[in-house]
Amino acid sequence: MDATLRALAEVRRREILALIRDVELPAGEIAAQFDVTRPAISQHLHVLRDAGLVVERREGTRRLYRVRPEGLTDLQAYLDSFWDTNLDRLKHAAEAEERSRIDGSERN
């Protein structure tokens, strides 16, 4: 998960992921979308690949990249654990409020 967070910390890498979210693109086409050098984009793709966020496929001399959604599974589970905890707290608070309301109306 640490590699995923480091990879996502850089804005261009997030932009690359958004660009190839639904379509496989060659490295040159990805690089053409940015105002940095091709080697810089190549480095970003390398970091994303090492983090398990993209998969590279060779087709002749071209390298094609696409998002690997399962690369976000650990991060999603980690973030979901916070959401689940807050939902549990909300549920218990709502149940306590409901019990309090019922107890108060039974006394009247």
Protein backbone atom coordinates (compact mmCIF):
# COMPACT_ATOMS: atom_id res chain seq x y z
CA MET A 1 0.00 0.00 0.00
CA ASP A 2 2.92 2.38 0.66
CA ALA A 3 4.05 2.12 -2.97
CA THR A 4 0.50 2.88 -4.08
CA LEU A 5 0.31 5.98 -1.90
CA ARG A 6 3.72 7.19 -3.09
CA ALA A 7 2.69 6.66 -6.71
CA LEU A 8 -0.59 8.51 -6.23
CA ALA A 9 1.04 11.40 -4.39
CA GLU A 10 2.27 12.89 -7.67
CA VAL A 11 -0.38 14.75 -9.66
CA ARG A 12 0.88 13.69 -13.11
CA ARG A 13 0.64 10.05 -12.14
CA ARG A 14 -2.98 10.54 -11.14
CA GLU A 15 -3.57 12.31 -14.45
CA ILE A 16 -1.96 9.40 -16.31
CA LEU A 17 -4.24 6.96 -14.48
CA ALA A 18 -7.28 9.05 -15.41
CA LEU A 19 -6.12 9.13 -19.02
CA ILE A 20 -5.79 5.36 -19.30
CA ARG A 21 -8.63 4.43 -16.96
CA ASP A 22 -10.88 3.20 -19.78
CA VAL A 23 -8.47 2.73 -22.67
CA GLU A 24 -5.09 1.16 -23.32
CA LEU A 25 -2.64 3.68 -24.80
CA PRO A 26 0.92 3.57 -26.07
CA ALA A 27 3.54 5.43 -24.05
CA GLY A 28 4.04 7.98 -26.85
CA GLU A 29 0.36 8.89 -26.89
CA ILE A 30 0.35 9.26 -23.13
CA ALA A 31 3.44 11.47 -23.26
CA ALA A 32 1.84 13.65 -25.95
CA GLN A 33 -0.83 14.69 -23.45
CA PHE A 34 1.69 16.30 -21.09
CA ASP A 35 4.08 19.23 -21.19
CA VAL A 36 7.04 17.23 -19.88
CA THR A 37 9.59 15.09 -21.65
CA ARG A 38 8.93 11.54 -22.78
CA PRO A 39 11.58 10.20 -20.40
CA ALA A 40 9.76 11.92 -17.52
CA ILE A 41 6.48 10.24 -18.52
CA SER A 42 8.34 6.96 -18.91
CA GLN A 43 9.58 7.32 -15.33
CA HIS A 44 6.05 8.03 -14.09
CA LEU A 45 4.78 4.94 -15.92
CA HIS A 46 7.58 2.91 -14.36
CA VAL A 47 6.57 4.04 -10.85
CA LEU A 48 2.91 3.27 -11.58
CA ARG A 49 3.83 -0.15 -12.93
CA ASP A 50 6.05 -0.95 -9.93
CA ALA A 51 3.19 0.04 -7.61
CA GLY A 52 0.91 -2.40 -9.45
CA LEU A 53 -1.39 0.35 -10.72
CA VAL A 54 -0.78 -0.14 -14.44
CA VAL A 55 0.07 -3.07 -16.63
CA GLU A 56 2.41 -2.82 -19.60
CA ARG A 57 1.91 -4.86 -22.75
CA ARG A 58 4.37 -4.96 -25.61
CA GLU A 59 3.13 -4.94 -29.15
CA GLY A 60 6.12 -4.98 -31.46
CA THR A 61 8.22 -1.99 -30.46
CA ARG A 62 5.32 -0.22 -28.73
CA ARG A 63 4.56 -0.37 -25.04
CA LEU A 64 0.87 -0.15 -24.25
CA TYR A 65 -0.39 0.78 -20.81
CA ARG A 66 -3.70 0.31 -19.08
CA VAL A 67 -4.93 0.75 -15.53
CA ARG A 68 -4.88 -2.26 -13.25
CA PRO A 69 -7.84 -1.49 -10.92
CA GLU A 70 -7.02 -4.37 -8.58
CA GLY A 71 -3.84 -2.46 -7.74
CA LEU A 72 -5.99 -0.19 -5.59
CA THR A 73 -7.60 -3.01 -3.59
CA ASP A 74 -5.43 -2.69 -0.47
CA LEU A 75 -5.78 1.09 -0.40
CA GLN A 76 -9.53 0.86 -0.90
CA ALA A 77 -9.84 -1.68 1.95
CA TYR A 78 -7.80 0.60 4.20
CA LEU A 79 -9.97 3.63 3.43
CA ASP A 80 -13.17 1.59 3.68
CA SER A 81 -12.19 0.57 7.22
CA PHE A 82 -12.51 4.21 8.25
CA TRP A 83 -15.84 4.53 6.50
CA ASP A 84 -17.17 1.32 8.09
CA THR A 85 -16.13 2.52 11.56
CA ASN A 86 -17.93 5.82 11.07
CA LEU A 87 -21.04 4.07 9.77
CA ASP A 88 -21.05 1.82 12.85
CA ARG A 89 -20.78 4.88 15.10
CA LEU A 90 -23.63 6.58 13.26
CA LYS A 91 -25.76 3.43 13.51
CA HIS A 92 -25.18 3.15 17.27
CA ALA A 93 -25.89 6.84 17.79
CA ALA A 94 -29.13 6.61 15.78
CA GLU A 95 -30.20 3.49 17.71
CA ALA A 96 -29.44 5.20 21.03
CA GLU A 97 -31.42 8.26 19.96
CA GLU A 98 -34.34 6.05 18.93
CA ARG A 99 -34.26 4.19 22.28
CA SER A 100 -34.14 7.52 24.11
CA ARG A 101 -37.11 8.82 22.11
CA ILE A 102 -39.13 5.65 22.74
CA ASP A 103 -38.28 5.67 26.46
CA GLY A 104 -39.27 9.34 26.71
CA SER A 105 -42.65 8.80 25.01
CA GLU A 106 -43.44 5.79 27.21
CA ARG A 107 -42.97 7.98 30.30
CA ASN A 108 -45.51 10.57 29.08
